Every structure is written in C-alpha cells, then in structure tokens.
Protein backbone atom coordinates (compact mmCIF):
# COMPACT_ATOMS: atom_id res chain seq x y z
CA MET A 1 22.41 -55.47 -53.74
CA THR A 2 19.66 -57.69 -52.41
CA THR A 3 20.64 -56.71 -48.88
CA ALA A 4 20.35 -53.05 -49.82
CA ARG A 5 16.93 -53.66 -51.37
CA LYS A 6 15.75 -55.51 -48.26
CA LEU A 7 17.01 -52.61 -46.10
CA LEU A 8 15.20 -50.06 -48.28
CA ALA A 9 12.02 -52.13 -48.16
CA THR A 10 12.22 -52.36 -44.36
CA ILE A 11 12.82 -48.61 -44.07
CA GLY A 12 9.92 -47.98 -46.45
CA MET A 13 7.59 -50.15 -44.36
CA ALA A 14 8.71 -48.41 -41.17
CA THR A 15 8.13 -45.02 -42.76
CA LEU A 16 4.67 -46.14 -43.86
CA LEU A 17 3.82 -47.32 -40.32
CA VAL A 18 5.03 -44.03 -38.82
CA ALA A 19 2.99 -42.10 -41.36
CA CYS A 20 -0.13 -44.07 -40.41
CA THR A 21 0.50 -43.46 -36.72
CA ASP A 22 1.10 -39.76 -37.30
CA ALA A 23 -2.28 -39.45 -39.03
CA ALA A 24 -4.07 -40.33 -35.78
CA LYS A 25 -1.56 -38.55 -33.56
CA ALA A 26 -2.33 -34.97 -34.61
CA PRO A 27 -6.10 -35.19 -34.06
CA ALA A 28 -5.55 -36.96 -30.73
CA GLU A 29 -3.17 -34.24 -29.54
CA ALA A 30 -5.59 -31.54 -30.69
CA ALA A 31 -8.43 -33.24 -28.83
CA MET A 32 -6.25 -33.43 -25.71
CA LYS A 33 -5.52 -29.71 -25.91
CA ALA A 34 -9.25 -28.99 -26.18
CA ALA A 35 -9.91 -31.31 -23.27
CA GLU A 36 -7.21 -29.62 -21.21
CA THR A 37 -8.78 -26.24 -21.92
CA ALA A 38 -12.17 -27.57 -20.83
CA MET A 39 -10.63 -29.02 -17.65
CA GLY A 40 -9.50 -25.51 -16.74
CA ASP A 41 -13.13 -24.70 -15.90
CA LEU A 42 -13.15 -27.26 -13.08
CA LYS A 43 -11.94 -25.10 -10.22
CA GLY A 44 -13.22 -23.13 -7.26
CA GLU A 45 -16.87 -23.71 -6.42
CA VAL A 46 -17.23 -26.46 -9.02
CA LEU A 47 -14.71 -28.62 -7.12
CA LYS A 48 -16.64 -28.15 -3.91
CA LEU A 49 -20.17 -28.42 -5.26
CA ALA A 50 -19.79 -31.30 -7.76
CA PRO A 51 -16.87 -33.45 -6.58
CA ALA A 52 -18.10 -36.70 -8.15
CA GLU A 53 -18.60 -35.13 -11.57
CA VAL A 54 -15.23 -33.37 -11.39
CA LYS A 55 -13.55 -36.66 -10.48
CA ALA A 56 -15.19 -38.37 -13.45
CA ALA A 57 -13.82 -35.69 -15.79
CA GLN A 58 -10.37 -35.87 -14.16
CA ASP A 59 -10.32 -39.65 -14.46
CA ALA A 60 -11.29 -39.47 -18.13
CA PHE A 61 -8.56 -36.90 -18.75
CA ALA A 62 -5.97 -39.05 -16.98
CA GLY A 63 -7.09 -42.07 -19.01
CA ALA A 64 -6.75 -40.16 -22.28
CA LYS A 65 -3.27 -38.97 -21.26
CA ALA A 66 -2.28 -42.55 -20.49
CA LEU A 67 -3.47 -43.64 -23.95
CA ILE A 68 -1.37 -40.88 -25.55
CA ALA A 69 1.64 -42.09 -23.57
CA LYS A 70 1.01 -45.63 -24.87
CA GLU A 71 0.72 -44.17 -28.39
CA ASP A 72 -2.84 -45.42 -28.71
CA TYR A 73 -3.90 -42.30 -30.56
CA LYS A 74 -7.26 -43.61 -31.76
CA GLY A 75 -8.19 -44.59 -28.21
CA ALA A 76 -6.92 -41.28 -26.88
CA LEU A 77 -8.96 -39.40 -29.49
CA ALA A 78 -12.12 -41.23 -28.45
CA ALA A 79 -11.42 -40.74 -24.73
CA ALA A 80 -10.55 -37.06 -25.13
CA GLY A 81 -13.73 -36.49 -27.10
CA GLU A 82 -15.83 -37.44 -24.06
CA ILE A 83 -14.09 -35.03 -21.68
CA PRO A 84 -15.86 -31.78 -22.69
CA ALA A 85 -19.24 -33.45 -22.05
CA LYS A 86 -18.05 -34.60 -18.61
CA VAL A 87 -16.83 -31.07 -17.83
CA LYS A 88 -20.19 -29.67 -18.96
CA ALA A 89 -21.98 -32.16 -16.70
CA ALA A 90 -19.81 -31.12 -13.75
CA LEU A 91 -20.53 -27.43 -14.39
CA ALA A 92 -24.27 -28.13 -14.66
CA ALA A 93 -24.28 -30.19 -11.45
CA ALA A 94 -22.41 -27.43 -9.60
CA ALA A 95 -24.83 -24.79 -10.85
CA ALA A 96 -27.84 -26.87 -9.80
CA LYS A 97 -26.41 -27.49 -6.34
CA LYS A 98 -25.58 -23.79 -5.93
CA ASP A 99 -29.16 -22.87 -6.89
CA ALA A 100 -30.51 -25.35 -4.34
CA LEU A 101 -28.20 -24.00 -1.65
CA LEU A 102 -29.18 -20.42 -2.47
CA LYS A 103 -32.87 -21.32 -2.18
CA THR A 104 -32.26 -23.04 1.17
CA PHE A 105 -30.21 -20.10 2.44
CA ASN A 106 -32.84 -17.57 1.37
CA GLU A 107 -35.53 -19.62 3.11
CA ALA A 108 -33.43 -19.80 6.28
CA ILE A 109 -32.41 -16.17 6.41
CA GLY A 110 -35.38 -14.57 4.68
CA SER A 111 -37.48 -13.93 7.78
CA LEU A 112 -34.58 -12.91 10.04
CA PRO A 113 -34.45 -9.19 9.17
CA ASN A 114 -38.20 -8.86 9.86
CA MET A 115 -37.76 -10.85 13.07
CA ALA A 116 -34.93 -8.55 14.17
CA SER A 117 -37.03 -5.50 13.33
CA ALA A 118 -39.97 -6.79 15.39
CA ILE A 119 -37.68 -7.56 18.33
CA LYS A 120 -36.10 -4.10 18.12
CA SER A 121 -39.50 -2.42 18.04
CA ARG A 122 -40.70 -4.42 21.05
CA LEU A 123 -37.48 -3.70 22.96
CA ASP A 124 -37.86 0.03 22.27
CA ILE A 125 -41.38 -0.07 23.69
CA LEU A 126 -40.30 -2.11 26.73
CA SER A 127 -37.30 0.17 27.38
CA GLN A 128 -39.63 3.18 27.64
CA ALA A 129 -42.24 1.39 29.72
CA LYS A 130 -42.56 2.38 33.38
CA LYS A 131 -43.31 -1.17 34.36
CA LEU A 132 -42.15 -4.35 32.61
CA PRO A 133 -44.65 -7.15 31.96
CA ALA A 134 -44.84 -10.08 34.33
CA GLY A 135 -42.01 -12.55 33.81
CA LEU A 136 -39.61 -9.94 32.44
CA ASP A 137 -37.17 -7.96 34.53
CA LYS A 138 -34.37 -5.48 33.73
CA ALA A 139 -31.80 -8.30 33.43
CA GLY A 140 -34.06 -10.16 30.99
CA LEU A 141 -34.52 -6.99 28.96
CA ASP A 142 -30.73 -6.43 28.82
CA LYS A 143 -30.22 -10.05 27.81
CA ALA A 144 -32.77 -9.61 24.99
CA LYS A 145 -30.95 -6.48 23.81
CA GLU A 146 -27.66 -8.41 23.72
CA GLY A 147 -29.41 -11.20 21.88
CA LEU A 148 -30.72 -8.74 19.29
CA ALA A 149 -27.21 -7.37 18.72
CA GLY A 150 -25.94 -10.93 18.28
CA LEU A 151 -28.82 -11.71 15.92
CA GLU A 152 -28.07 -8.70 13.72
CA ALA A 153 -24.35 -9.47 13.66
CA GLY A 154 -25.13 -13.11 12.89
CA ILE A 155 -27.30 -12.17 9.92
CA ALA A 156 -24.45 -10.11 8.44
CA LYS A 157 -21.93 -12.88 9.15
CA ALA A 158 -24.07 -15.61 7.59
CA THR A 159 -24.65 -13.49 4.50
CA ASP A 160 -20.89 -12.86 4.17
CA GLN A 161 -20.18 -16.56 4.67
CA PHE A 162 -22.59 -17.51 1.93
CA LYS A 163 -21.13 -14.97 -0.48
CA GLY A 164 -17.64 -16.19 0.46
CA GLY A 165 -18.43 -19.76 -0.55
CA ALA A 166 -19.02 -21.31 2.89
CA MET A 167 -22.59 -22.06 1.89
CA ASP A 168 -23.36 -25.03 4.13
CA GLU A 169 -21.97 -23.20 7.17
CA ALA A 170 -24.00 -20.08 6.32
CA ILE A 171 -27.20 -22.12 6.05
CA ALA A 172 -26.54 -23.81 9.39
CA GLN A 173 -25.85 -20.44 11.01
CA ALA A 174 -29.02 -18.90 9.53
CA GLN A 175 -31.08 -21.78 10.89
CA ALA A 176 -29.49 -21.39 14.32
CA LEU A 177 -30.17 -17.64 14.21
CA LYS A 178 -33.83 -18.29 13.47
CA ALA A 179 -34.07 -20.45 16.59
CA LYS A 180 -32.25 -17.78 18.62
CA GLY A 181 -34.58 -15.07 17.32
CA THR A 182 -37.63 -17.13 18.22
CA GLU A 183 -36.26 -17.59 21.74
CA ILE A 184 -35.69 -13.81 22.13
CA MET A 185 -39.19 -13.09 20.89
CA LYS A 186 -40.72 -15.45 23.45
CA SER A 187 -38.63 -13.93 26.25
CA ILE A 188 -40.03 -10.44 25.57
CA GLY A 189 -43.63 -11.48 25.07
CA LEU A 190 -43.75 -11.73 21.29
CA SER A 191 -45.05 -14.94 19.86
CA GLN A 192 -44.31 -16.13 16.35
C-alpha cells in the first residue's frame, strides 16, 4: 500500500503542477490571439511606409510564439501584451510618413496644372501669330506643343502613381515634370 500511496501522491503533485501551468496558459493564449488580430493590420502601405516598426512588431510576435512553444506562459503573456502597442506605433509611423509624402507630392505637383495652362495659352497665341518671336521657329513651336502634351500626360500619370501607392516615384516624376515645364516656358518666351 505504501507504493500505491506514493504513486497517488506523485500523480497529485503532477496534477497540481499542470493546474498551475494551465492557469497562465489560457490568458497567454488569449493575449496571443489578440496580438495576432492586431498583427493583421500590418499589411499594404504600412509594410512599405514603416518597415522598421513593422519588423519590431513581427519580432515581438515571433518571440511571444516561441515562449508559448517553450510553455513559458507568463513570459508569453508579457511579450504578447506589448504587441498591440508596437502595431499601433507602426500604424502611426506609416500615417505620418504618408502625410509627409502627400505634402511633398502636393508641393511638387501643385503648380504644374497652372504651368500647363500658361504654356497652352502662350502656344495658342504663338500658333495664331503671323510672325514668331526671335529665337523661336516652327520646329521649336511644334516641339513645345509636344512637350505640353507630355507634361499633361505626365501630370495624370504621376497623380495615378501616387494614388496607386508608388509615392516616391510619383514625387520624383512630379519634380521632373516641373523642370520640364520650366524648360518649355523658357523656350516659348515665358519666364517663371
């Protein structure tokens, strides 16, 4: 009988240990599910605009998963609790960067429609003129008209690029278009 009592005592202790472990396991698993839900927000533009912050959240999530696998439920609970804040930081960083890019894009492209309008108006006047000003011939006028068409198409393309998520490329194109517009204006006698 003493062997049976020792066996029952050992089983009782094991049951008690499992019960203690299970008490921390449920909250840790719930925290991991919440963290996983929060991680679902880290996609699309956020990945592109805030890569360092996204990586920090992903690393924290991977660390919490590793702690769950090691059955360190208290550690996993603490690690998983930090993940929503890291996700929030990534979302905030992405929003701030997008706002900065939007401001830069608007500054780059803002004057282009007015520039195109001024060029078009000047080209209309020059096309009806009997004599072109000194330094401008028919070939130069045709080249300016082609440049205007390219400028207008470029404005539409840059705007579409920006809306499509290629923000850096759209900004670079808008800045190049501004230089091209300035060149066209000088070629037809408009100064800016």
